[in-house]
Amino acid sequence: AASLTDRELQVLHGICEGLQNKEIAHRFGIREVTVKMHVRAIVRKLG
């Protein structure tokens, strides 16, 4: 958890709020494919 980047933490908050990838992408002004990349990293880092 300590190794999560600021953006990964933002995406994680979105996941916890029940947002879809496209909603998270819109919220932070990034592409949905970028959100998917962050989600994969979050899942991996948290085991």
All heavy atoms as atom14 arrays in JSON, in Angstrom:
{
  "sequence": "AASLTDRELQVLHGICEGLQNKEIAHRFGIREVTVKMHVRAIVRKLG",
  "atom14_mask": [
    [1, 1, 1, 1, 1, 0, 0, 0, 0, 0, 0, 0, 0, 0],
    [1, 1, 1, 1, 1, 0, 0, 0, 0, 0, 0, 0, 0, 0],
    [1, 1, 1, 1, 1, 1, 0, 0, 0, 0, 0, 0, 0, 0],
    [1, 1, 1, 1, 1, 1, 1, 1, 0, 0, 0, 0, 0, 0],
    [1, 1, 1, 1, 1, 1, 1, 0, 0, 0, 0, 0, 0, 0],
    [1, 1, 1, 1, 1, 1, 1, 1, 0, 0, 0, 0, 0, 0],
    [1, 1, 1, 1, 1, 1, 1, 1, 1, 1, 1, 0, 0, 0],
    [1, 1, 1, 1, 1, 1, 1, 1, 1, 0, 0, 0, 0, 0],
    [1, 1, 1, 1, 1, 1, 1, 1, 0, 0, 0, 0, 0, 0],
    [1, 1, 1, 1, 1, 1, 1, 1, 1, 0, 0, 0, 0, 0],
    [1, 1, 1, 1, 1, 1, 1, 0, 0, 0, 0, 0, 0, 0],
    [1, 1, 1, 1, 1, 1, 1, 1, 0, 0, 0, 0, 0, 0],
    [1, 1, 1, 1, 1, 1, 1, 1, 1, 1, 0, 0, 0, 0],
    [1, 1, 1, 1, 0, 0, 0, 0, 0, 0, 0, 0, 0, 0],
    [1, 1, 1, 1, 1, 1, 1, 1, 0, 0, 0, 0, 0, 0],
    [1, 1, 1, 1, 1, 1, 0, 0, 0, 0, 0, 0, 0, 0],
    [1, 1, 1, 1, 1, 1, 1, 1, 1, 0, 0, 0, 0, 0],
    [1, 1, 1, 1, 0, 0, 0, 0, 0, 0, 0, 0, 0, 0],
    [1, 1, 1, 1, 1, 1, 1, 1, 0, 0, 0, 0, 0, 0],
    [1, 1, 1, 1, 1, 1, 1, 1, 1, 0, 0, 0, 0, 0],
    [1, 1, 1, 1, 1, 1, 1, 1, 0, 0, 0, 0, 0, 0],
    [1, 1, 1, 1, 1, 1, 1, 1, 1, 0, 0, 0, 0, 0],
    [1, 1, 1, 1, 1, 1, 1, 1, 1, 0, 0, 0, 0, 0],
    [1, 1, 1, 1, 1, 1, 1, 1, 0, 0, 0, 0, 0, 0],
    [1, 1, 1, 1, 1, 0, 0, 0, 0, 0, 0, 0, 0, 0],
    [1, 1, 1, 1, 1, 1, 1, 1, 1, 1, 0, 0, 0, 0],
    [1, 1, 1, 1, 1, 1, 1, 1, 1, 1, 1, 0, 0, 0],
    [1, 1, 1, 1, 1, 1, 1, 1, 1, 1, 1, 0, 0, 0],
    [1, 1, 1, 1, 0, 0, 0, 0, 0, 0, 0, 0, 0, 0],
    [1, 1, 1, 1, 1, 1, 1, 1, 0, 0, 0, 0, 0, 0],
    [1, 1, 1, 1, 1, 1, 1, 1, 1, 1, 1, 0, 0, 0],
    [1, 1, 1, 1, 1, 1, 1, 1, 1, 0, 0, 0, 0, 0],
    [1, 1, 1, 1, 1, 1, 1, 0, 0, 0, 0, 0, 0, 0],
    [1, 1, 1, 1, 1, 1, 1, 0, 0, 0, 0, 0, 0, 0],
    [1, 1, 1, 1, 1, 1, 1, 0, 0, 0, 0, 0, 0, 0],
    [1, 1, 1, 1, 1, 1, 1, 1, 1, 0, 0, 0, 0, 0],
    [1, 1, 1, 1, 1, 1, 1, 1, 0, 0, 0, 0, 0, 0],
    [1, 1, 1, 1, 1, 1, 1, 1, 1, 1, 0, 0, 0, 0],
    [1, 1, 1, 1, 1, 1, 1, 0, 0, 0, 0, 0, 0, 0],
    [1, 1, 1, 1, 1, 1, 1, 1, 1, 1, 1, 0, 0, 0],
    [1, 1, 1, 1, 1, 0, 0, 0, 0, 0, 0, 0, 0, 0],
    [1, 1, 1, 1, 1, 1, 1, 1, 0, 0, 0, 0, 0, 0],
    [1, 1, 1, 1, 1, 1, 1, 0, 0, 0, 0, 0, 0, 0],
    [1, 1, 1, 1, 1, 1, 1, 1, 1, 1, 1, 0, 0, 0],
    [1, 1, 1, 1, 1, 1, 1, 1, 1, 0, 0, 0, 0, 0],
    [1, 1, 1, 1, 1, 1, 1, 1, 0, 0, 0, 0, 0, 0],
    [1, 1, 1, 1, 0, 0, 0, 0, 0, 0, 0, 0, 0, 0]
  ],
  "atom14_positions": [
    [[0.83, -1.2, 0.0], [0.0, 0.0, 0.0], [0.87, 1.25, 0.0], [0.55, 2.24, -0.67], [-0.92, 0.0, 1.21], [0.0, 0.0, 0.0], [0.0, 0.0, 0.0], [0.0, 0.0, 0.0], [0.0, 0.0, 0.0], [0.0, 0.0, 0.0], [0.0, 0.0, 0.0], [0.0, 0.0, 0.0], [0.0, 0.0, 0.0], [0.0, 0.0, 0.0]],
    [[1.97, 1.19, 0.72], [2.88, 2.34, 0.78], [3.54, 2.59, -0.58], [3.97, 3.7, -0.86], [3.95, 2.11, 1.85], [0.0, 0.0, 0.0], [0.0, 0.0, 0.0], [0.0, 0.0, 0.0], [0.0, 0.0, 0.0], [0.0, 0.0, 0.0], [0.0, 0.0, 0.0], [0.0, 0.0, 0.0], [0.0, 0.0, 0.0], [0.0, 0.0, 0.0]],
    [[3.59, 1.55, -1.42], [4.23, 1.69, -2.72], [3.28, 2.24, -3.79], [3.7, 2.47, -4.92], [4.8, 0.35, -3.18], [3.77, -0.51, -3.59], [0.0, 0.0, 0.0], [0.0, 0.0, 0.0], [0.0, 0.0, 0.0], [0.0, 0.0, 0.0], [0.0, 0.0, 0.0], [0.0, 0.0, 0.0], [0.0, 0.0, 0.0], [0.0, 0.0, 0.0]],
    [[2.01, 2.43, -3.45], [1.06, 2.97, -4.43], [1.39, 4.42, -4.74], [1.7, 5.21, -3.83], [-0.38, 2.89, -3.89], [-0.96, 1.5, -3.69], [-2.33, 1.58, -3.03], [-1.06, 0.75, -5.0], [0.0, 0.0, 0.0], [0.0, 0.0, 0.0], [0.0, 0.0, 0.0], [0.0, 0.0, 0.0], [0.0, 0.0, 0.0], [0.0, 0.0, 0.0]],
    [[1.32, 4.77, -6.02], [1.56, 6.15, -6.42], [0.34, 7.01, -6.08], [-0.74, 6.48, -5.78], [1.83, 6.24, -7.93], [0.62, 5.88, -8.63], [2.97, 5.34, -8.36], [0.0, 0.0, 0.0], [0.0, 0.0, 0.0], [0.0, 0.0, 0.0], [0.0, 0.0, 0.0], [0.0, 0.0, 0.0], [0.0, 0.0, 0.0], [0.0, 0.0, 0.0]],
    [[0.51, 8.32, -6.15], [-0.62, 9.22, -5.89], [-1.77, 8.93, -6.84], [-2.93, 8.88, -6.42], [-0.19, 10.68, -6.03], [0.73, 11.13, -4.9], [0.76, 10.44, -3.85], [1.39, 12.16, -5.05], [0.0, 0.0, 0.0], [0.0, 0.0, 0.0], [0.0, 0.0, 0.0], [0.0, 0.0, 0.0], [0.0, 0.0, 0.0], [0.0, 0.0, 0.0]],
    [[-1.46, 8.72, -8.11], [-2.52, 8.45, -9.09], [-3.2, 7.12, -8.81], [-4.43, 7.01, -8.91], [-1.96, 8.47, -10.52], [-3.0, 8.23, -11.58], [-4.05, 9.35, -11.64], [-3.56, 10.43, -12.47], [-4.13, 11.63, -12.55], [-5.21, 11.91, -11.84], [-3.63, 12.56, -13.32], [0.0, 0.0, 0.0], [0.0, 0.0, 0.0], [0.0, 0.0, 0.0]],
    [[-2.41, 6.12, -8.43], [-3.01, 4.83, -8.09], [-3.94, 4.96, -6.89], [-5.01, 4.34, -6.86], [-1.91, 3.79, -7.82], [-1.2, 3.33, -9.08], [0.08, 2.56, -8.84], [0.53, 2.46, -7.68], [0.64, 2.04, -9.82], [0.0, 0.0, 0.0], [0.0, 0.0, 0.0], [0.0, 0.0, 0.0], [0.0, 0.0, 0.0], [0.0, 0.0, 0.0]],
    [[-3.55, 5.78, -5.93], [-4.43, 6.02, -4.77], [-5.72, 6.71, -5.2], [-6.81, 6.38, -4.71], [-3.71, 6.86, -3.71], [-2.65, 6.12, -2.91], [-1.83, 7.09, -2.06], [-3.28, 5.04, -2.04], [0.0, 0.0, 0.0], [0.0, 0.0, 0.0], [0.0, 0.0, 0.0], [0.0, 0.0, 0.0], [0.0, 0.0, 0.0], [0.0, 0.0, 0.0]],
    [[-5.62, 7.66, -6.14], [-6.82, 8.33, -6.65], [-7.74, 7.33, -7.34], [-8.96, 7.33, -7.12], [-6.44, 9.44, -7.64], [-5.76, 10.63, -6.98], [-5.23, 11.63, -8.0], [-4.9, 11.27, -9.12], [-5.18, 12.89, -7.61], [0.0, 0.0, 0.0], [0.0, 0.0, 0.0], [0.0, 0.0, 0.0], [0.0, 0.0, 0.0], [0.0, 0.0, 0.0]],
    [[-7.16, 6.47, -8.17], [-7.94, 5.45, -8.88], [-8.56, 4.49, -7.86], [-9.73, 4.12, -7.98], [-7.07, 4.7, -9.91], [-7.8, 3.49, -10.47], [-6.65, 5.63, -11.04], [0.0, 0.0, 0.0], [0.0, 0.0, 0.0], [0.0, 0.0, 0.0], [0.0, 0.0, 0.0], [0.0, 0.0, 0.0], [0.0, 0.0, 0.0], [0.0, 0.0, 0.0]],
    [[-7.8, 4.12, -6.85], [-8.3, 3.21, -5.81], [-9.49, 3.82, -5.09], [-10.47, 3.13, -4.8], [-7.17, 2.88, -4.83], [-7.48, 1.86, -3.74], [-7.98, 0.55, -4.32], [-6.23, 1.62, -2.89], [0.0, 0.0, 0.0], [0.0, 0.0, 0.0], [0.0, 0.0, 0.0], [0.0, 0.0, 0.0], [0.0, 0.0, 0.0], [0.0, 0.0, 0.0]],
    [[-9.43, 5.11, -4.81], [-10.57, 5.79, -4.19], [-11.8, 5.68, -5.11], [-12.91, 5.43, -4.63], [-10.25, 7.26, -3.91], [-9.55, 7.48, -2.61], [-8.17, 7.47, -2.5], [-10.02, 7.69, -1.37], [-7.84, 7.67, -1.24], [-8.94, 7.81, -0.53], [0.0, 0.0, 0.0], [0.0, 0.0, 0.0], [0.0, 0.0, 0.0], [0.0, 0.0, 0.0]],
    [[-11.58, 5.88, -6.4], [-12.68, 5.75, -7.35], [-13.28, 4.36, -7.35], [-14.51, 4.2, -7.37], [0.0, 0.0, 0.0], [0.0, 0.0, 0.0], [0.0, 0.0, 0.0], [0.0, 0.0, 0.0], [0.0, 0.0, 0.0], [0.0, 0.0, 0.0], [0.0, 0.0, 0.0], [0.0, 0.0, 0.0], [0.0, 0.0, 0.0], [0.0, 0.0, 0.0]],
    [[-12.42, 3.35, -7.3], [-12.89, 1.96, -7.24], [-13.75, 1.76, -5.99], [-14.82, 1.17, -6.04], [-11.71, 0.97, -7.25], [-10.97, 1.02, -8.58], [-12.19, -0.45, -6.95], [-9.65, 0.25, -8.58], [0.0, 0.0, 0.0], [0.0, 0.0, 0.0], [0.0, 0.0, 0.0], [0.0, 0.0, 0.0], [0.0, 0.0, 0.0], [0.0, 0.0, 0.0]],
    [[-13.25, 2.28, -4.87], [-13.97, 2.12, -3.6], [-15.31, 2.85, -3.6], [-16.22, 2.47, -2.87], [-13.1, 2.59, -2.43], [-11.72, 1.49, -2.1], [0.0, 0.0, 0.0], [0.0, 0.0, 0.0], [0.0, 0.0, 0.0], [0.0, 0.0, 0.0], [0.0, 0.0, 0.0], [0.0, 0.0, 0.0], [0.0, 0.0, 0.0], [0.0, 0.0, 0.0]],
    [[-15.42, 3.88, -4.42], [-16.69, 4.6, -4.56], [-17.62, 3.9, -5.52], [-18.75, 4.34, -5.73], [-16.43, 6.03, -5.05], [-15.76, 6.92, -4.02], [-15.4, 8.29, -4.6], [-16.07, 8.74, -5.55], [-14.44, 8.88, -4.09], [0.0, 0.0, 0.0], [0.0, 0.0, 0.0], [0.0, 0.0, 0.0], [0.0, 0.0, 0.0], [0.0, 0.0, 0.0]],
    [[-17.14, 2.8, -6.12], [-17.97, 2.04, -7.04], [-18.02, 2.6, -8.45], [-18.91, 2.26, -9.23], [0.0, 0.0, 0.0], [0.0, 0.0, 0.0], [0.0, 0.0, 0.0], [0.0, 0.0, 0.0], [0.0, 0.0, 0.0], [0.0, 0.0, 0.0], [0.0, 0.0, 0.0], [0.0, 0.0, 0.0], [0.0, 0.0, 0.0], [0.0, 0.0, 0.0]],
    [[-17.05, 3.46, -8.79], [-17.03, 4.05, -10.13], [-16.49, 3.06, -11.16], [-15.64, 2.23, -10.84], [-16.15, 5.31, -10.13], [-16.57, 6.46, -9.22], [-15.57, 7.6, -9.34], [-17.96, 6.94, -9.55], [0.0, 0.0, 0.0], [0.0, 0.0, 0.0], [0.0, 0.0, 0.0], [0.0, 0.0, 0.0], [0.0, 0.0, 0.0], [0.0, 0.0, 0.0]],
    [[-16.97, 3.19, -12.38], [-16.45, 2.41, -13.49], [-15.17, 3.06, -13.97], [-14.92, 4.24, -13.7], [-17.46, 2.36, -14.63], [-18.76, 1.68, -14.27], [-19.77, 1.77, -15.41], [-19.54, 2.45, -16.4], [-20.89, 1.09, -15.26], [0.0, 0.0, 0.0], [0.0, 0.0, 0.0], [0.0, 0.0, 0.0], [0.0, 0.0, 0.0], [0.0, 0.0, 0.0]],
    [[-14.37, 2.31, -14.73], [-13.11, 2.85, -15.25], [-13.32, 4.15, -16.02], [-12.57, 5.1, -15.87], [-12.41, 1.82, -16.13], [-11.79, 0.69, -15.34], [-11.67, 0.76, -14.13], [-11.38, -0.35, -16.03], [0.0, 0.0, 0.0], [0.0, 0.0, 0.0], [0.0, 0.0, 0.0], [0.0, 0.0, 0.0], [0.0, 0.0, 0.0], [0.0, 0.0, 0.0]],
    [[-14.36, 4.18, -16.87], [-14.58, 5.38, -17.68], [-14.96, 6.57, -16.81], [-14.61, 7.71, -17.13], [-15.62, 5.14, -18.77], [-17.0, 4.78, -18.31], [-17.89, 4.49, -19.51], [-19.25, 3.98, -19.08], [-20.06, 3.62, -20.25], [0.0, 0.0, 0.0], [0.0, 0.0, 0.0], [0.0, 0.0, 0.0], [0.0, 0.0, 0.0], [0.0, 0.0, 0.0]],
    [[-15.65, 6.33, -15.69], [-16.01, 7.42, -14.78], [-14.77, 7.94, -14.05], [-14.61, 9.16, -13.86], [-17.05, 6.94, -13.76], [-18.38, 6.59, -14.39], [-19.34, 5.9, -13.43], [-18.91, 4.96, -12.72], [-20.51, 6.3, -13.41], [0.0, 0.0, 0.0], [0.0, 0.0, 0.0], [0.0, 0.0, 0.0], [0.0, 0.0, 0.0], [0.0, 0.0, 0.0]],
    [[-13.89, 7.02, -13.66], [-12.64, 7.42, -13.01], [-11.79, 8.21, -14.0], [-11.22, 9.25, -13.64], [-11.87, 6.17, -12.51], [-12.67, 5.46, -11.41], [-10.49, 6.56, -11.98], [-12.13, 4.08, -11.03], [0.0, 0.0, 0.0], [0.0, 0.0, 0.0], [0.0, 0.0, 0.0], [0.0, 0.0, 0.0], [0.0, 0.0, 0.0], [0.0, 0.0, 0.0]],
    [[-11.72, 7.73, -15.24], [-10.95, 8.42, -16.28], [-11.46, 9.84, -16.47], [-10.68, 10.8, -16.53], [-11.03, 7.65, -17.59], [0.0, 0.0, 0.0], [0.0, 0.0, 0.0], [0.0, 0.0, 0.0], [0.0, 0.0, 0.0], [0.0, 0.0, 0.0], [0.0, 0.0, 0.0], [0.0, 0.0, 0.0], [0.0, 0.0, 0.0], [0.0, 0.0, 0.0]],
    [[-12.77, 10.0, -16.54], [-13.36, 11.33, -16.73], [-13.05, 12.24, -15.55], [-12.71, 13.41, -15.73], [-14.88, 11.2, -16.93], [-15.56, 12.5, -17.15], [-15.45, 13.2, -18.34], [-16.34, 13.25, -16.34], [-16.14, 14.32, -18.23], [-16.7, 14.37, -17.03], [0.0, 0.0, 0.0], [0.0, 0.0, 0.0], [0.0, 0.0, 0.0], [0.0, 0.0, 0.0]],
    [[-13.15, 11.7, -14.34], [-12.91, 12.48, -13.12], [-11.51, 13.09, -13.11], [-11.32, 14.23, -12.7], [-13.13, 11.62, -11.89], [-12.78, 12.35, -10.58], [-13.02, 11.51, -9.37], [-14.44, 11.41, -9.11], [-14.95, 10.8, -8.04], [-14.16, 10.23, -7.16], [-16.24, 10.75, -7.85], [0.0, 0.0, 0.0], [0.0, 0.0, 0.0], [0.0, 0.0, 0.0]],
    [[-10.52, 12.29, -13.53], [-9.13, 12.75, -13.45], [-8.55, 13.23, -14.78], [-7.37, 13.55, -14.86], [-8.26, 11.66, -12.84], [-8.67, 11.3, -11.43], [-9.19, 10.05, -11.15], [-8.58, 12.23, -10.41], [-9.6, 9.72, -9.86], [-8.99, 11.92, -9.12], [-9.5, 10.67, -8.85], [0.0, 0.0, 0.0], [0.0, 0.0, 0.0], [0.0, 0.0, 0.0]],
    [[-9.38, 13.23, -15.81], [-8.92, 13.73, -17.11], [-7.85, 12.87, -17.75], [-6.92, 13.37, -18.37], [0.0, 0.0, 0.0], [0.0, 0.0, 0.0], [0.0, 0.0, 0.0], [0.0, 0.0, 0.0], [0.0, 0.0, 0.0], [0.0, 0.0, 0.0], [0.0, 0.0, 0.0], [0.0, 0.0, 0.0], [0.0, 0.0, 0.0], [0.0, 0.0, 0.0]],
    [[-8.0, 11.54, -17.55], [-7.06, 10.6, -18.16], [-7.86, 9.62, -19.01], [-9.09, 9.57, -18.93], [-6.21, 9.86, -17.11], [-7.09, 9.11, -16.1], [-5.27, 10.82, -16.4], [-6.33, 8.33, -15.05], [0.0, 0.0, 0.0], [0.0, 0.0, 0.0], [0.0, 0.0, 0.0], [0.0, 0.0, 0.0], [0.0, 0.0, 0.0], [0.0, 0.0, 0.0]],
    [[-7.16, 8.83, -19.83], [-7.85, 7.88, -20.7], [-8.23, 6.61, -19.94], [-7.57, 6.24, -18.97], [-6.95, 7.53, -21.89], [-6.69, 8.74, -22.78], [-5.74, 8.47, -23.91], [-6.22, 7.33, -24.71], [-5.41, 6.46, -25.33], [-4.11, 6.6, -25.24], [-5.9, 5.48, -26.04], [0.0, 0.0, 0.0], [0.0, 0.0, 0.0], [0.0, 0.0, 0.0]],
    [[-9.29, 5.96, -20.41], [-9.76, 4.75, -19.75], [-8.69, 3.66, -19.74], [-8.53, 2.93, -18.76], [-11.02, 4.24, -20.44], [-11.69, 3.09, -19.71], [-13.02, 2.68, -20.32], [-13.5, 3.35, -21.26], [-13.56, 1.66, -19.85], [0.0, 0.0, 0.0], [0.0, 0.0, 0.0], [0.0, 0.0, 0.0], [0.0, 0.0, 0.0], [0.0, 0.0, 0.0]],
    [[-7.92, 3.58, -20.82], [-6.85, 2.57, -20.89], [-5.79, 2.83, -19.81], [-5.22, 1.88, -19.25], [-6.21, 2.52, -22.31], [-5.46, 3.79, -22.63], [-5.31, 1.32, -22.44], [0.0, 0.0, 0.0], [0.0, 0.0, 0.0], [0.0, 0.0, 0.0], [0.0, 0.0, 0.0], [0.0, 0.0, 0.0], [0.0, 0.0, 0.0], [0.0, 0.0, 0.0]],
    [[-5.58, 4.09, -19.49], [-4.64, 4.44, -18.41], [-5.19, 4.0, -17.06], [-4.45, 3.49, -16.21], [-4.37, 5.96, -18.41], [-3.94, 6.35, -19.71], [-3.31, 6.34, -17.39], [0.0, 0.0, 0.0], [0.0, 0.0, 0.0], [0.0, 0.0, 0.0], [0.0, 0.0, 0.0], [0.0, 0.0, 0.0], [0.0, 0.0, 0.0], [0.0, 0.0, 0.0]],
    [[-6.48, 4.17, -16.86], [-7.12, 3.72, -15.62], [-6.96, 2.21, -15.49], [-6.62, 1.71, -14.41], [-8.62, 4.11, -15.58], [-9.3, 3.5, -14.35], [-8.78, 5.63, -15.56], [0.0, 0.0, 0.0], [0.0, 0.0, 0.0], [0.0, 0.0, 0.0], [0.0, 0.0, 0.0], [0.0, 0.0, 0.0], [0.0, 0.0, 0.0], [0.0, 0.0, 0.0]],
    [[-7.19, 1.48, -16.59], [-7.04, 0.02, -16.56], [-5.63, -0.37, -16.15], [-5.43, -1.33, -15.39], [-7.38, -0.58, -17.92], [-8.87, -0.53, -18.25], [-9.13, -1.11, -19.62], [-10.59, -0.98, -19.99], [-10.87, -1.49, -21.34], [0.0, 0.0, 0.0], [0.0, 0.0, 0.0], [0.0, 0.0, 0.0], [0.0, 0.0, 0.0], [0.0, 0.0, 0.0]],
    [[-4.64, 0.36, -16.66], [-3.25, 0.09, -16.31], [-3.03, 0.3, -14.8], [-2.39, -0.51, -14.14], [-2.33, 1.03, -17.11], [-0.86, 0.86, -16.81], [0.14, 2.18, -17.56], [-0.32, 3.56, -16.51], [0.0, 0.0, 0.0], [0.0, 0.0, 0.0], [0.0, 0.0, 0.0], [0.0, 0.0, 0.0], [0.0, 0.0, 0.0], [0.0, 0.0, 0.0]],
    [[-3.58, 1.4, -14.28], [-3.45, 1.67, -12.84], [-4.16, 0.6, -12.02], [-3.64, 0.17, -10.98], [-4.03, 3.05, -12.51], [-3.2, 4.19, -12.99], [-1.83, 4.29, -12.76], [-3.53, 5.31, -13.69], [-1.37, 5.4, -13.3], [-2.38, 6.03, -13.88], [0.0, 0.0, 0.0], [0.0, 0.0, 0.0], [0.0, 0.0, 0.0], [0.0, 0.0, 0.0]],
    [[-5.34, 0.17, -12.46], [-6.09, -0.86, -11.73], [-5.27, -2.15, -11.66], [-5.16, -2.77, -10.6], [-7.47, -1.12, -12.39], [-8.13, -2.36, -11.76], [-8.37, 0.1, -12.23], [0.0, 0.0, 0.0], [0.0, 0.0, 0.0], [0.0, 0.0, 0.0], [0.0, 0.0, 0.0], [0.0, 0.0, 0.0], [0.0, 0.0, 0.0], [0.0, 0.0, 0.0]],
    [[-4.66, -2.54, -12.79], [-3.82, -3.75, -12.79], [-2.68, -3.61, -11.8], [-2.35, -4.55, -11.08], [-3.28, -4.03, -14.2], [-4.26, -4.73, -15.1], [-3.58, -5.33, -16.32], [-2.86, -4.33, -17.12], [-3.39, -3.62, -18.11], [-4.66, -3.79, -18.43], [-2.67, -2.76, -18.79], [0.0, 0.0, 0.0], [0.0, 0.0, 0.0], [0.0, 0.0, 0.0]],
    [[-2.05, -2.43, -11.77], [-0.92, -2.2, -10.85], [-1.4, -2.26, -9.39], [-0.71, -2.84, -8.54], [-0.27, -0.86, -11.15], [0.0, 0.0, 0.0], [0.0, 0.0, 0.0], [0.0, 0.0, 0.0], [0.0, 0.0, 0.0], [0.0, 0.0, 0.0], [0.0, 0.0, 0.0], [0.0, 0.0, 0.0], [0.0, 0.0, 0.0], [0.0, 0.0, 0.0]],
    [[-2.56, -1.67, -9.12], [-3.12, -1.67, -7.76], [-3.39, -3.1, -7.31], [-3.01, -3.5, -6.21], [-4.41, -0.83, -7.71], [-4.1, 0.65, -7.91], [-5.16, -1.06, -6.4], [-5.32, 1.5, -8.25], [0.0, 0.0, 0.0], [0.0, 0.0, 0.0], [0.0, 0.0, 0.0], [0.0, 0.0, 0.0], [0.0, 0.0, 0.0], [0.0, 0.0, 0.0]],
    [[-4.06, -3.87, -8.16], [-4.39, -5.26, -7.84], [-3.12, -6.05, -7.56], [-3.03, -6.79, -6.57], [-5.23, -5.9, -8.98], [-5.33, -7.41, -8.8], [-6.61, -5.27, -9.04], [0.0, 0.0, 0.0], [0.0, 0.0, 0.0], [0.0, 0.0, 0.0], [0.0, 0.0, 0.0], [0.0, 0.0, 0.0], [0.0, 0.0, 0.0], [0.0, 0.0, 0.0]],
    [[-2.11, -5.87, -8.4], [-0.84, -6.58, -8.23], [-0.15, -6.17, -6.93], [0.29, -7.03, -6.16], [0.06, -6.3, -9.44], [1.41, -7.0, -9.37], [2.25, -6.77, -10.63], [2.25, -5.39, -11.1], [2.98, -4.39, -10.57], [3.78, -4.62, -9.56], [2.9, -3.17, -11.07], [0.0, 0.0, 0.0], [0.0, 0.0, 0.0], [0.0, 0.0, 0.0]],
    [[-0.05, -4.87, -6.69], [0.67, -4.39, -5.51], [-0.02, -4.81, -4.21], [0.66, -5.06, -3.21], [0.8, -2.86, -5.55], [1.82, -2.38, -6.58], [1.92, -0.87, -6.56], [2.92, -0.36, -7.6], [3.04, 1.11, -7.55], [0.0, 0.0, 0.0], [0.0, 0.0, 0.0], [0.0, 0.0, 0.0], [0.0, 0.0, 0.0], [0.0, 0.0, 0.0]],
    [[-1.35, -4.87, -4.21], [-2.07, -5.23, -3.0], [-2.24, -6.74, -2.86], [-2.76, -7.23, -1.87], [-3.45, -4.55, -2.97], [-3.43, -3.03, -2.83], [-4.85, -2.49, -2.77], [-2.65, -2.58, -1.59], [0.0, 0.0, 0.0], [0.0, 0.0, 0.0], [0.0, 0.0, 0.0], [0.0, 0.0, 0.0], [0.0, 0.0, 0.0], [0.0, 0.0, 0.0]],
    [[-1.81, -7.49, -3.89], [-1.93, -8.95, -3.84], [-3.37, -9.41, -3.94], [-3.72, -10.47, -3.43], [0.0, 0.0, 0.0], [0.0, 0.0, 0.0], [0.0, 0.0, 0.0], [0.0, 0.0, 0.0], [0.0, 0.0, 0.0], [0.0, 0.0, 0.0], [0.0, 0.0, 0.0], [0.0, 0.0, 0.0], [0.0, 0.0, 0.0], [0.0, 0.0, 0.0]]
  ]
}
